[in-house]
Amino acid sequence: KFKRNKYRVDFTDQSLICDGKTIW
């Protein structure tokens, strides 16, 4: 999922989530 500088990438084993300020 992508929204400007925000994104969420999901694999079966992990995810990368960003709100434009912080990355999890």
PDBML (XML) file of the C-alpha atoms, coordinates in Angstrom:
<?xml version="1.0" encoding="UTF-8" ?>
<PDBx:datablock datablockName="MODEL"
   xmlns:PDBx="http://pdbml.pdb.org/schema/pdbx-v50.xsd"
   xmlns:xsi="http://www.w3.org/2001/XMLSchema-instance"
   xsi:schemaLocation="http://pdbml.pdb.org/schema/pdbx-v50.xsd pdbx-v50.xsd">
   <PDBx:atom_siteCategory>
      <PDBx:atom_site id="1">
         <PDBx:B_iso_or_equiv>0.00</PDBx:B_iso_or_equiv>
         <PDBx:Cartn_x>0.000</PDBx:Cartn_x>
         <PDBx:Cartn_y>0.000</PDBx:Cartn_y>
         <PDBx:Cartn_z>0.000</PDBx:Cartn_z>
         <PDBx:auth_asym_id>A</PDBx:auth_asym_id>
         <PDBx:auth_atom_id>CA</PDBx:auth_atom_id>
         <PDBx:auth_comp_id>LYS</PDBx:auth_comp_id>
         <PDBx:auth_seq_id>1</PDBx:auth_seq_id>
         <PDBx:group_PDB>ATOM</PDBx:group_PDB>
         <PDBx:label_alt_id xsi:nil="true" />
         <PDBx:label_asym_id>A</PDBx:label_asym_id>
         <PDBx:label_atom_id>CA</PDBx:label_atom_id>
         <PDBx:label_comp_id>LYS</PDBx:label_comp_id>
         <PDBx:label_entity_id>1</PDBx:label_entity_id>
         <PDBx:label_seq_id>1</PDBx:label_seq_id>
         <PDBx:occupancy>1.00</PDBx:occupancy>
         <PDBx:pdbx_PDB_model_num>1</PDBx:pdbx_PDB_model_num>
         <PDBx:type_symbol>C</PDBx:type_symbol>
      </PDBx:atom_site>
      <PDBx:atom_site id="2">
         <PDBx:B_iso_or_equiv>0.00</PDBx:B_iso_or_equiv>
         <PDBx:Cartn_x>1.405</PDBx:Cartn_x>
         <PDBx:Cartn_y>3.385</PDBx:Cartn_y>
         <PDBx:Cartn_z>-0.924</PDBx:Cartn_z>
         <PDBx:auth_asym_id>A</PDBx:auth_asym_id>
         <PDBx:auth_atom_id>CA</PDBx:auth_atom_id>
         <PDBx:auth_comp_id>PHE</PDBx:auth_comp_id>
         <PDBx:auth_seq_id>2</PDBx:auth_seq_id>
         <PDBx:group_PDB>ATOM</PDBx:group_PDB>
         <PDBx:label_alt_id xsi:nil="true" />
         <PDBx:label_asym_id>A</PDBx:label_asym_id>
         <PDBx:label_atom_id>CA</PDBx:label_atom_id>
         <PDBx:label_comp_id>PHE</PDBx:label_comp_id>
         <PDBx:label_entity_id>1</PDBx:label_entity_id>
         <PDBx:label_seq_id>2</PDBx:label_seq_id>
         <PDBx:occupancy>1.00</PDBx:occupancy>
         <PDBx:pdbx_PDB_model_num>1</PDBx:pdbx_PDB_model_num>
         <PDBx:type_symbol>C</PDBx:type_symbol>
      </PDBx:atom_site>
      <PDBx:atom_site id="3">
         <PDBx:B_iso_or_equiv>0.00</PDBx:B_iso_or_equiv>
         <PDBx:Cartn_x>0.261</PDBx:Cartn_x>
         <PDBx:Cartn_y>6.901</PDBx:Cartn_y>
         <PDBx:Cartn_z>-0.056</PDBx:Cartn_z>
         <PDBx:auth_asym_id>A</PDBx:auth_asym_id>
         <PDBx:auth_atom_id>CA</PDBx:auth_atom_id>
         <PDBx:auth_comp_id>LYS</PDBx:auth_comp_id>
         <PDBx:auth_seq_id>3</PDBx:auth_seq_id>
         <PDBx:group_PDB>ATOM</PDBx:group_PDB>
         <PDBx:label_alt_id xsi:nil="true" />
         <PDBx:label_asym_id>A</PDBx:label_asym_id>
         <PDBx:label_atom_id>CA</PDBx:label_atom_id>
         <PDBx:label_comp_id>LYS</PDBx:label_comp_id>
         <PDBx:label_entity_id>1</PDBx:label_entity_id>
         <PDBx:label_seq_id>3</PDBx:label_seq_id>
         <PDBx:occupancy>1.00</PDBx:occupancy>
         <PDBx:pdbx_PDB_model_num>1</PDBx:pdbx_PDB_model_num>
         <PDBx:type_symbol>C</PDBx:type_symbol>
      </PDBx:atom_site>
      <PDBx:atom_site id="4">
         <PDBx:B_iso_or_equiv>0.00</PDBx:B_iso_or_equiv>
         <PDBx:Cartn_x>2.723</PDBx:Cartn_x>
         <PDBx:Cartn_y>9.632</PDBx:Cartn_y>
         <PDBx:Cartn_z>-0.968</PDBx:Cartn_z>
         <PDBx:auth_asym_id>A</PDBx:auth_asym_id>
         <PDBx:auth_atom_id>CA</PDBx:auth_atom_id>
         <PDBx:auth_comp_id>ARG</PDBx:auth_comp_id>
         <PDBx:auth_seq_id>4</PDBx:auth_seq_id>
         <PDBx:group_PDB>ATOM</PDBx:group_PDB>
         <PDBx:label_alt_id xsi:nil="true" />
         <PDBx:label_asym_id>A</PDBx:label_asym_id>
         <PDBx:label_atom_id>CA</PDBx:label_atom_id>
         <PDBx:label_comp_id>ARG</PDBx:label_comp_id>
         <PDBx:label_entity_id>1</PDBx:label_entity_id>
         <PDBx:label_seq_id>4</PDBx:label_seq_id>
         <PDBx:occupancy>1.00</PDBx:occupancy>
         <PDBx:pdbx_PDB_model_num>1</PDBx:pdbx_PDB_model_num>
         <PDBx:type_symbol>C</PDBx:type_symbol>
      </PDBx:atom_site>
      <PDBx:atom_site id="5">
         <PDBx:B_iso_or_equiv>0.00</PDBx:B_iso_or_equiv>
         <PDBx:Cartn_x>5.597</PDBx:Cartn_x>
         <PDBx:Cartn_y>9.210</PDBx:Cartn_y>
         <PDBx:Cartn_z>1.509</PDBx:Cartn_z>
         <PDBx:auth_asym_id>A</PDBx:auth_asym_id>
         <PDBx:auth_atom_id>CA</PDBx:auth_atom_id>
         <PDBx:auth_comp_id>ASN</PDBx:auth_comp_id>
         <PDBx:auth_seq_id>5</PDBx:auth_seq_id>
         <PDBx:group_PDB>ATOM</PDBx:group_PDB>
         <PDBx:label_alt_id xsi:nil="true" />
         <PDBx:label_asym_id>A</PDBx:label_asym_id>
         <PDBx:label_atom_id>CA</PDBx:label_atom_id>
         <PDBx:label_comp_id>ASN</PDBx:label_comp_id>
         <PDBx:label_entity_id>1</PDBx:label_entity_id>
         <PDBx:label_seq_id>5</PDBx:label_seq_id>
         <PDBx:occupancy>1.00</PDBx:occupancy>
         <PDBx:pdbx_PDB_model_num>1</PDBx:pdbx_PDB_model_num>
         <PDBx:type_symbol>C</PDBx:type_symbol>
      </PDBx:atom_site>
      <PDBx:atom_site id="6">
         <PDBx:B_iso_or_equiv>0.00</PDBx:B_iso_or_equiv>
         <PDBx:Cartn_x>3.676</PDBx:Cartn_x>
         <PDBx:Cartn_y>6.566</PDBx:Cartn_y>
         <PDBx:Cartn_z>3.483</PDBx:Cartn_z>
         <PDBx:auth_asym_id>A</PDBx:auth_asym_id>
         <PDBx:auth_atom_id>CA</PDBx:auth_atom_id>
         <PDBx:auth_comp_id>LYS</PDBx:auth_comp_id>
         <PDBx:auth_seq_id>6</PDBx:auth_seq_id>
         <PDBx:group_PDB>ATOM</PDBx:group_PDB>
         <PDBx:label_alt_id xsi:nil="true" />
         <PDBx:label_asym_id>A</PDBx:label_asym_id>
         <PDBx:label_atom_id>CA</PDBx:label_atom_id>
         <PDBx:label_comp_id>LYS</PDBx:label_comp_id>
         <PDBx:label_entity_id>1</PDBx:label_entity_id>
         <PDBx:label_seq_id>6</PDBx:label_seq_id>
         <PDBx:occupancy>1.00</PDBx:occupancy>
         <PDBx:pdbx_PDB_model_num>1</PDBx:pdbx_PDB_model_num>
         <PDBx:type_symbol>C</PDBx:type_symbol>
      </PDBx:atom_site>
      <PDBx:atom_site id="7">
         <PDBx:B_iso_or_equiv>0.00</PDBx:B_iso_or_equiv>
         <PDBx:Cartn_x>3.824</PDBx:Cartn_x>
         <PDBx:Cartn_y>2.907</PDBx:Cartn_y>
         <PDBx:Cartn_z>2.625</PDBx:Cartn_z>
         <PDBx:auth_asym_id>A</PDBx:auth_asym_id>
         <PDBx:auth_atom_id>CA</PDBx:auth_atom_id>
         <PDBx:auth_comp_id>TYR</PDBx:auth_comp_id>
         <PDBx:auth_seq_id>7</PDBx:auth_seq_id>
         <PDBx:group_PDB>ATOM</PDBx:group_PDB>
         <PDBx:label_alt_id xsi:nil="true" />
         <PDBx:label_asym_id>A</PDBx:label_asym_id>
         <PDBx:label_atom_id>CA</PDBx:label_atom_id>
         <PDBx:label_comp_id>TYR</PDBx:label_comp_id>
         <PDBx:label_entity_id>1</PDBx:label_entity_id>
         <PDBx:label_seq_id>7</PDBx:label_seq_id>
         <PDBx:occupancy>1.00</PDBx:occupancy>
         <PDBx:pdbx_PDB_model_num>1</PDBx:pdbx_PDB_model_num>
         <PDBx:type_symbol>C</PDBx:type_symbol>
      </PDBx:atom_site>
      <PDBx:atom_site id="8">
         <PDBx:B_iso_or_equiv>0.00</PDBx:B_iso_or_equiv>
         <PDBx:Cartn_x>3.280</PDBx:Cartn_x>
         <PDBx:Cartn_y>-0.607</PDBx:Cartn_y>
         <PDBx:Cartn_z>3.907</PDBx:Cartn_z>
         <PDBx:auth_asym_id>A</PDBx:auth_asym_id>
         <PDBx:auth_atom_id>CA</PDBx:auth_atom_id>
         <PDBx:auth_comp_id>ARG</PDBx:auth_comp_id>
         <PDBx:auth_seq_id>8</PDBx:auth_seq_id>
         <PDBx:group_PDB>ATOM</PDBx:group_PDB>
         <PDBx:label_alt_id xsi:nil="true" />
         <PDBx:label_asym_id>A</PDBx:label_asym_id>
         <PDBx:label_atom_id>CA</PDBx:label_atom_id>
         <PDBx:label_comp_id>ARG</PDBx:label_comp_id>
         <PDBx:label_entity_id>1</PDBx:label_entity_id>
         <PDBx:label_seq_id>8</PDBx:label_seq_id>
         <PDBx:occupancy>1.00</PDBx:occupancy>
         <PDBx:pdbx_PDB_model_num>1</PDBx:pdbx_PDB_model_num>
         <PDBx:type_symbol>C</PDBx:type_symbol>
      </PDBx:atom_site>
      <PDBx:atom_site id="9">
         <PDBx:B_iso_or_equiv>0.00</PDBx:B_iso_or_equiv>
         <PDBx:Cartn_x>4.969</PDBx:Cartn_x>
         <PDBx:Cartn_y>-3.654</PDBx:Cartn_y>
         <PDBx:Cartn_z>2.393</PDBx:Cartn_z>
         <PDBx:auth_asym_id>A</PDBx:auth_asym_id>
         <PDBx:auth_atom_id>CA</PDBx:auth_atom_id>
         <PDBx:auth_comp_id>VAL</PDBx:auth_comp_id>
         <PDBx:auth_seq_id>9</PDBx:auth_seq_id>
         <PDBx:group_PDB>ATOM</PDBx:group_PDB>
         <PDBx:label_alt_id xsi:nil="true" />
         <PDBx:label_asym_id>A</PDBx:label_asym_id>
         <PDBx:label_atom_id>CA</PDBx:label_atom_id>
         <PDBx:label_comp_id>VAL</PDBx:label_comp_id>
         <PDBx:label_entity_id>1</PDBx:label_entity_id>
         <PDBx:label_seq_id>9</PDBx:label_seq_id>
         <PDBx:occupancy>1.00</PDBx:occupancy>
         <PDBx:pdbx_PDB_model_num>1</PDBx:pdbx_PDB_model_num>
         <PDBx:type_symbol>C</PDBx:type_symbol>
      </PDBx:atom_site>
      <PDBx:atom_site id="10">
         <PDBx:B_iso_or_equiv>0.00</PDBx:B_iso_or_equiv>
         <PDBx:Cartn_x>3.820</PDBx:Cartn_x>
         <PDBx:Cartn_y>-7.082</PDBx:Cartn_y>
         <PDBx:Cartn_z>3.612</PDBx:Cartn_z>
         <PDBx:auth_asym_id>A</PDBx:auth_asym_id>
         <PDBx:auth_atom_id>CA</PDBx:auth_atom_id>
         <PDBx:auth_comp_id>ASP</PDBx:auth_comp_id>
         <PDBx:auth_seq_id>10</PDBx:auth_seq_id>
         <PDBx:group_PDB>ATOM</PDBx:group_PDB>
         <PDBx:label_alt_id xsi:nil="true" />
         <PDBx:label_asym_id>A</PDBx:label_asym_id>
         <PDBx:label_atom_id>CA</PDBx:label_atom_id>
         <PDBx:label_comp_id>ASP</PDBx:label_comp_id>
         <PDBx:label_entity_id>1</PDBx:label_entity_id>
         <PDBx:label_seq_id>10</PDBx:label_seq_id>
         <PDBx:occupancy>1.00</PDBx:occupancy>
         <PDBx:pdbx_PDB_model_num>1</PDBx:pdbx_PDB_model_num>
         <PDBx:type_symbol>C</PDBx:type_symbol>
      </PDBx:atom_site>
      <PDBx:atom_site id="11">
         <PDBx:B_iso_or_equiv>0.00</PDBx:B_iso_or_equiv>
         <PDBx:Cartn_x>5.472</PDBx:Cartn_x>
         <PDBx:Cartn_y>-10.460</PDBx:Cartn_y>
         <PDBx:Cartn_z>3.099</PDBx:Cartn_z>
         <PDBx:auth_asym_id>A</PDBx:auth_asym_id>
         <PDBx:auth_atom_id>CA</PDBx:auth_atom_id>
         <PDBx:auth_comp_id>PHE</PDBx:auth_comp_id>
         <PDBx:auth_seq_id>11</PDBx:auth_seq_id>
         <PDBx:group_PDB>ATOM</PDBx:group_PDB>
         <PDBx:label_alt_id xsi:nil="true" />
         <PDBx:label_asym_id>A</PDBx:label_asym_id>
         <PDBx:label_atom_id>CA</PDBx:label_atom_id>
         <PDBx:label_comp_id>PHE</PDBx:label_comp_id>
         <PDBx:label_entity_id>1</PDBx:label_entity_id>
         <PDBx:label_seq_id>11</PDBx:label_seq_id>
         <PDBx:occupancy>1.00</PDBx:occupancy>
         <PDBx:pdbx_PDB_model_num>1</PDBx:pdbx_PDB_model_num>
         <PDBx:type_symbol>C</PDBx:type_symbol>
      </PDBx:atom_site>
      <PDBx:atom_site id="12">
         <PDBx:B_iso_or_equiv>0.00</PDBx:B_iso_or_equiv>
         <PDBx:Cartn_x>4.339</PDBx:Cartn_x>
         <PDBx:Cartn_y>-13.648</PDBx:Cartn_y>
         <PDBx:Cartn_z>4.801</PDBx:Cartn_z>
         <PDBx:auth_asym_id>A</PDBx:auth_asym_id>
         <PDBx:auth_atom_id>CA</PDBx:auth_atom_id>
         <PDBx:auth_comp_id>THR</PDBx:auth_comp_id>
         <PDBx:auth_seq_id>12</PDBx:auth_seq_id>
         <PDBx:group_PDB>ATOM</PDBx:group_PDB>
         <PDBx:label_alt_id xsi:nil="true" />
         <PDBx:label_asym_id>A</PDBx:label_asym_id>
         <PDBx:label_atom_id>CA</PDBx:label_atom_id>
         <PDBx:label_comp_id>THR</PDBx:label_comp_id>
         <PDBx:label_entity_id>1</PDBx:label_entity_id>
         <PDBx:label_seq_id>12</PDBx:label_seq_id>
         <PDBx:occupancy>1.00</PDBx:occupancy>
         <PDBx:pdbx_PDB_model_num>1</PDBx:pdbx_PDB_model_num>
         <PDBx:type_symbol>C</PDBx:type_symbol>
      </PDBx:atom_site>
      <PDBx:atom_site id="13">
         <PDBx:B_iso_or_equiv>0.00</PDBx:B_iso_or_equiv>
         <PDBx:Cartn_x>7.151</PDBx:Cartn_x>
         <PDBx:Cartn_y>-13.363</PDBx:Cartn_y>
         <PDBx:Cartn_z>7.368</PDBx:Cartn_z>
         <PDBx:auth_asym_id>A</PDBx:auth_asym_id>
         <PDBx:auth_atom_id>CA</PDBx:auth_atom_id>
         <PDBx:auth_comp_id>ASP</PDBx:auth_comp_id>
         <PDBx:auth_seq_id>13</PDBx:auth_seq_id>
         <PDBx:group_PDB>ATOM</PDBx:group_PDB>
         <PDBx:label_alt_id xsi:nil="true" />
         <PDBx:label_asym_id>A</PDBx:label_asym_id>
         <PDBx:label_atom_id>CA</PDBx:label_atom_id>
         <PDBx:label_comp_id>ASP</PDBx:label_comp_id>
         <PDBx:label_entity_id>1</PDBx:label_entity_id>
         <PDBx:label_seq_id>13</PDBx:label_seq_id>
         <PDBx:occupancy>1.00</PDBx:occupancy>
         <PDBx:pdbx_PDB_model_num>1</PDBx:pdbx_PDB_model_num>
         <PDBx:type_symbol>C</PDBx:type_symbol>
      </PDBx:atom_site>
      <PDBx:atom_site id="14">
         <PDBx:B_iso_or_equiv>0.00</PDBx:B_iso_or_equiv>
         <PDBx:Cartn_x>7.660</PDBx:Cartn_x>
         <PDBx:Cartn_y>-9.623</PDBx:Cartn_y>
         <PDBx:Cartn_z>7.803</PDBx:Cartn_z>
         <PDBx:auth_asym_id>A</PDBx:auth_asym_id>
         <PDBx:auth_atom_id>CA</PDBx:auth_atom_id>
         <PDBx:auth_comp_id>GLN</PDBx:auth_comp_id>
         <PDBx:auth_seq_id>14</PDBx:auth_seq_id>
         <PDBx:group_PDB>ATOM</PDBx:group_PDB>
         <PDBx:label_alt_id xsi:nil="true" />
         <PDBx:label_asym_id>A</PDBx:label_asym_id>
         <PDBx:label_atom_id>CA</PDBx:label_atom_id>
         <PDBx:label_comp_id>GLN</PDBx:label_comp_id>
         <PDBx:label_entity_id>1</PDBx:label_entity_id>
         <PDBx:label_seq_id>14</PDBx:label_seq_id>
         <PDBx:occupancy>1.00</PDBx:occupancy>
         <PDBx:pdbx_PDB_model_num>1</PDBx:pdbx_PDB_model_num>
         <PDBx:type_symbol>C</PDBx:type_symbol>
      </PDBx:atom_site>
      <PDBx:atom_site id="15">
         <PDBx:B_iso_or_equiv>0.00</PDBx:B_iso_or_equiv>
         <PDBx:Cartn_x>6.379</PDBx:Cartn_x>
         <PDBx:Cartn_y>-6.127</PDBx:Cartn_y>
         <PDBx:Cartn_z>7.112</PDBx:Cartn_z>
         <PDBx:auth_asym_id>A</PDBx:auth_asym_id>
         <PDBx:auth_atom_id>CA</PDBx:auth_atom_id>
         <PDBx:auth_comp_id>SER</PDBx:auth_comp_id>
         <PDBx:auth_seq_id>15</PDBx:auth_seq_id>
         <PDBx:group_PDB>ATOM</PDBx:group_PDB>
         <PDBx:label_alt_id xsi:nil="true" />
         <PDBx:label_asym_id>A</PDBx:label_asym_id>
         <PDBx:label_atom_id>CA</PDBx:label_atom_id>
         <PDBx:label_comp_id>SER</PDBx:label_comp_id>
         <PDBx:label_entity_id>1</PDBx:label_entity_id>
         <PDBx:label_seq_id>15</PDBx:label_seq_id>
         <PDBx:occupancy>1.00</PDBx:occupancy>
         <PDBx:pdbx_PDB_model_num>1</PDBx:pdbx_PDB_model_num>
         <PDBx:type_symbol>C</PDBx:type_symbol>
      </PDBx:atom_site>
      <PDBx:atom_site id="16">
         <PDBx:B_iso_or_equiv>0.00</PDBx:B_iso_or_equiv>
         <PDBx:Cartn_x>7.843</PDBx:Cartn_x>
         <PDBx:Cartn_y>-2.676</PDBx:Cartn_y>
         <PDBx:Cartn_z>6.590</PDBx:Cartn_z>
         <PDBx:auth_asym_id>A</PDBx:auth_asym_id>
         <PDBx:auth_atom_id>CA</PDBx:auth_atom_id>
         <PDBx:auth_comp_id>LEU</PDBx:auth_comp_id>
         <PDBx:auth_seq_id>16</PDBx:auth_seq_id>
         <PDBx:group_PDB>ATOM</PDBx:group_PDB>
         <PDBx:label_alt_id xsi:nil="true" />
         <PDBx:label_asym_id>A</PDBx:label_asym_id>
         <PDBx:label_atom_id>CA</PDBx:label_atom_id>
         <PDBx:label_comp_id>LEU</PDBx:label_comp_id>
         <PDBx:label_entity_id>1</PDBx:label_entity_id>
         <PDBx:label_seq_id>16</PDBx:label_seq_id>
         <PDBx:occupancy>1.00</PDBx:occupancy>
         <PDBx:pdbx_PDB_model_num>1</PDBx:pdbx_PDB_model_num>
         <PDBx:type_symbol>C</PDBx:type_symbol>
      </PDBx:atom_site>
      <PDBx:atom_site id="17">
         <PDBx:B_iso_or_equiv>0.00</PDBx:B_iso_or_equiv>
         <PDBx:Cartn_x>5.551</PDBx:Cartn_x>
         <PDBx:Cartn_y>0.197</PDBx:Cartn_y>
         <PDBx:Cartn_z>7.623</PDBx:Cartn_z>
         <PDBx:auth_asym_id>A</PDBx:auth_asym_id>
         <PDBx:auth_atom_id>CA</PDBx:auth_atom_id>
         <PDBx:auth_comp_id>ILE</PDBx:auth_comp_id>
         <PDBx:auth_seq_id>17</PDBx:auth_seq_id>
         <PDBx:group_PDB>ATOM</PDBx:group_PDB>
         <PDBx:label_alt_id xsi:nil="true" />
         <PDBx:label_asym_id>A</PDBx:label_asym_id>
         <PDBx:label_atom_id>CA</PDBx:label_atom_id>
         <PDBx:label_comp_id>ILE</PDBx:label_comp_id>
         <PDBx:label_entity_id>1</PDBx:label_entity_id>
         <PDBx:label_seq_id>17</PDBx:label_seq_id>
         <PDBx:occupancy>1.00</PDBx:occupancy>
         <PDBx:pdbx_PDB_model_num>1</PDBx:pdbx_PDB_model_num>
         <PDBx:type_symbol>C</PDBx:type_symbol>
      </PDBx:atom_site>
      <PDBx:atom_site id="18">
         <PDBx:B_iso_or_equiv>0.00</PDBx:B_iso_or_equiv>
         <PDBx:Cartn_x>6.281</PDBx:Cartn_x>
         <PDBx:Cartn_y>3.904</PDBx:Cartn_y>
         <PDBx:Cartn_z>7.237</PDBx:Cartn_z>
         <PDBx:auth_asym_id>A</PDBx:auth_asym_id>
         <PDBx:auth_atom_id>CA</PDBx:auth_atom_id>
         <PDBx:auth_comp_id>CYS</PDBx:auth_comp_id>
         <PDBx:auth_seq_id>18</PDBx:auth_seq_id>
         <PDBx:group_PDB>ATOM</PDBx:group_PDB>
         <PDBx:label_alt_id xsi:nil="true" />
         <PDBx:label_asym_id>A</PDBx:label_asym_id>
         <PDBx:label_atom_id>CA</PDBx:label_atom_id>
         <PDBx:label_comp_id>CYS</PDBx:label_comp_id>
         <PDBx:label_entity_id>1</PDBx:label_entity_id>
         <PDBx:label_seq_id>18</PDBx:label_seq_id>
         <PDBx:occupancy>1.00</PDBx:occupancy>
         <PDBx:pdbx_PDB_model_num>1</PDBx:pdbx_PDB_model_num>
         <PDBx:type_symbol>C</PDBx:type_symbol>
      </PDBx:atom_site>
      <PDBx:atom_site id="19">
         <PDBx:B_iso_or_equiv>0.00</PDBx:B_iso_or_equiv>
         <PDBx:Cartn_x>4.177</PDBx:Cartn_x>
         <PDBx:Cartn_y>6.945</PDBx:Cartn_y>
         <PDBx:Cartn_z>8.120</PDBx:Cartn_z>
         <PDBx:auth_asym_id>A</PDBx:auth_asym_id>
         <PDBx:auth_atom_id>CA</PDBx:auth_atom_id>
         <PDBx:auth_comp_id>ASP</PDBx:auth_comp_id>
         <PDBx:auth_seq_id>19</PDBx:auth_seq_id>
         <PDBx:group_PDB>ATOM</PDBx:group_PDB>
         <PDBx:label_alt_id xsi:nil="true" />
         <PDBx:label_asym_id>A</PDBx:label_asym_id>
         <PDBx:label_atom_id>CA</PDBx:label_atom_id>
         <PDBx:label_comp_id>ASP</PDBx:label_comp_id>
         <PDBx:label_entity_id>1</PDBx:label_entity_id>
         <PDBx:label_seq_id>19</PDBx:label_seq_id>
         <PDBx:occupancy>1.00</PDBx:occupancy>
         <PDBx:pdbx_PDB_model_num>1</PDBx:pdbx_PDB_model_num>
         <PDBx:type_symbol>C</PDBx:type_symbol>
      </PDBx:atom_site>
      <PDBx:atom_site id="20">
         <PDBx:B_iso_or_equiv>0.00</PDBx:B_iso_or_equiv>
         <PDBx:Cartn_x>6.584</PDBx:Cartn_x>
         <PDBx:Cartn_y>9.473</PDBx:Cartn_y>
         <PDBx:Cartn_z>6.623</PDBx:Cartn_z>
         <PDBx:auth_asym_id>A</PDBx:auth_asym_id>
         <PDBx:auth_atom_id>CA</PDBx:auth_atom_id>
         <PDBx:auth_comp_id>GLY</PDBx:auth_comp_id>
         <PDBx:auth_seq_id>20</PDBx:auth_seq_id>
         <PDBx:group_PDB>ATOM</PDBx:group_PDB>
         <PDBx:label_alt_id xsi:nil="true" />
         <PDBx:label_asym_id>A</PDBx:label_asym_id>
         <PDBx:label_atom_id>CA</PDBx:label_atom_id>
         <PDBx:label_comp_id>GLY</PDBx:label_comp_id>
         <PDBx:label_entity_id>1</PDBx:label_entity_id>
         <PDBx:label_seq_id>20</PDBx:label_seq_id>
         <PDBx:occupancy>1.00</PDBx:occupancy>
         <PDBx:pdbx_PDB_model_num>1</PDBx:pdbx_PDB_model_num>
         <PDBx:type_symbol>C</PDBx:type_symbol>
      </PDBx:atom_site>
      <PDBx:atom_site id="21">
         <PDBx:B_iso_or_equiv>0.00</PDBx:B_iso_or_equiv>
         <PDBx:Cartn_x>8.382</PDBx:Cartn_x>
         <PDBx:Cartn_y>10.051</PDBx:Cartn_y>
         <PDBx:Cartn_z>9.940</PDBx:Cartn_z>
         <PDBx:auth_asym_id>A</PDBx:auth_asym_id>
         <PDBx:auth_atom_id>CA</PDBx:auth_atom_id>
         <PDBx:auth_comp_id>LYS</PDBx:auth_comp_id>
         <PDBx:auth_seq_id>21</PDBx:auth_seq_id>
         <PDBx:group_PDB>ATOM</PDBx:group_PDB>
         <PDBx:label_alt_id xsi:nil="true" />
         <PDBx:label_asym_id>A</PDBx:label_asym_id>
         <PDBx:label_atom_id>CA</PDBx:label_atom_id>
         <PDBx:label_comp_id>LYS</PDBx:label_comp_id>
         <PDBx:label_entity_id>1</PDBx:label_entity_id>
         <PDBx:label_seq_id>21</PDBx:label_seq_id>
         <PDBx:occupancy>1.00</PDBx:occupancy>
         <PDBx:pdbx_PDB_model_num>1</PDBx:pdbx_PDB_model_num>
         <PDBx:type_symbol>C</PDBx:type_symbol>
      </PDBx:atom_site>
      <PDBx:atom_site id="22">
         <PDBx:B_iso_or_equiv>0.00</PDBx:B_iso_or_equiv>
         <PDBx:Cartn_x>8.958</PDBx:Cartn_x>
         <PDBx:Cartn_y>6.601</PDBx:Cartn_y>
         <PDBx:Cartn_z>11.445</PDBx:Cartn_z>
         <PDBx:auth_asym_id>A</PDBx:auth_asym_id>
         <PDBx:auth_atom_id>CA</PDBx:auth_atom_id>
         <PDBx:auth_comp_id>THR</PDBx:auth_comp_id>
         <PDBx:auth_seq_id>22</PDBx:auth_seq_id>
         <PDBx:group_PDB>ATOM</PDBx:group_PDB>
         <PDBx:label_alt_id xsi:nil="true" />
         <PDBx:label_asym_id>A</PDBx:label_asym_id>
         <PDBx:label_atom_id>CA</PDBx:label_atom_id>
         <PDBx:label_comp_id>THR</PDBx:label_comp_id>
         <PDBx:label_entity_id>1</PDBx:label_entity_id>
         <PDBx:label_seq_id>22</PDBx:label_seq_id>
         <PDBx:occupancy>1.00</PDBx:occupancy>
         <PDBx:pdbx_PDB_model_num>1</PDBx:pdbx_PDB_model_num>
         <PDBx:type_symbol>C</PDBx:type_symbol>
      </PDBx:atom_site>
      <PDBx:atom_site id="23">
         <PDBx:B_iso_or_equiv>0.00</PDBx:B_iso_or_equiv>
         <PDBx:Cartn_x>9.682</PDBx:Cartn_x>
         <PDBx:Cartn_y>3.167</PDBx:Cartn_y>
         <PDBx:Cartn_z>9.974</PDBx:Cartn_z>
         <PDBx:auth_asym_id>A</PDBx:auth_asym_id>
         <PDBx:auth_atom_id>CA</PDBx:auth_atom_id>
         <PDBx:auth_comp_id>ILE</PDBx:auth_comp_id>
         <PDBx:auth_seq_id>23</PDBx:auth_seq_id>
         <PDBx:group_PDB>ATOM</PDBx:group_PDB>
         <PDBx:label_alt_id xsi:nil="true" />
         <PDBx:label_asym_id>A</PDBx:label_asym_id>
         <PDBx:label_atom_id>CA</PDBx:label_atom_id>
         <PDBx:label_comp_id>ILE</PDBx:label_comp_id>
         <PDBx:label_entity_id>1</PDBx:label_entity_id>
         <PDBx:label_seq_id>23</PDBx:label_seq_id>
         <PDBx:occupancy>1.00</PDBx:occupancy>
         <PDBx:pdbx_PDB_model_num>1</PDBx:pdbx_PDB_model_num>
         <PDBx:type_symbol>C</PDBx:type_symbol>
      </PDBx:atom_site>
      <PDBx:atom_site id="24">
         <PDBx:B_iso_or_equiv>0.00</PDBx:B_iso_or_equiv>
         <PDBx:Cartn_x>8.625</PDBx:Cartn_x>
         <PDBx:Cartn_y>-0.064</PDBx:Cartn_y>
         <PDBx:Cartn_z>11.689</PDBx:Cartn_z>
         <PDBx:auth_asym_id>A</PDBx:auth_asym_id>
         <PDBx:auth_atom_id>CA</PDBx:auth_atom_id>
         <PDBx:auth_comp_id>TRP</PDBx:auth_comp_id>
         <PDBx:auth_seq_id>24</PDBx:auth_seq_id>
         <PDBx:group_PDB>ATOM</PDBx:group_PDB>
         <PDBx:label_alt_id xsi:nil="true" />
         <PDBx:label_asym_id>A</PDBx:label_asym_id>
         <PDBx:label_atom_id>CA</PDBx:label_atom_id>
         <PDBx:label_comp_id>TRP</PDBx:label_comp_id>
         <PDBx:label_entity_id>1</PDBx:label_entity_id>
         <PDBx:label_seq_id>24</PDBx:label_seq_id>
         <PDBx:occupancy>1.00</PDBx:occupancy>
         <PDBx:pdbx_PDB_model_num>1</PDBx:pdbx_PDB_model_num>
         <PDBx:type_symbol>C</PDBx:type_symbol>
      </PDBx:atom_site>
   </PDBx:atom_siteCategory>
</PDBx:datablock>
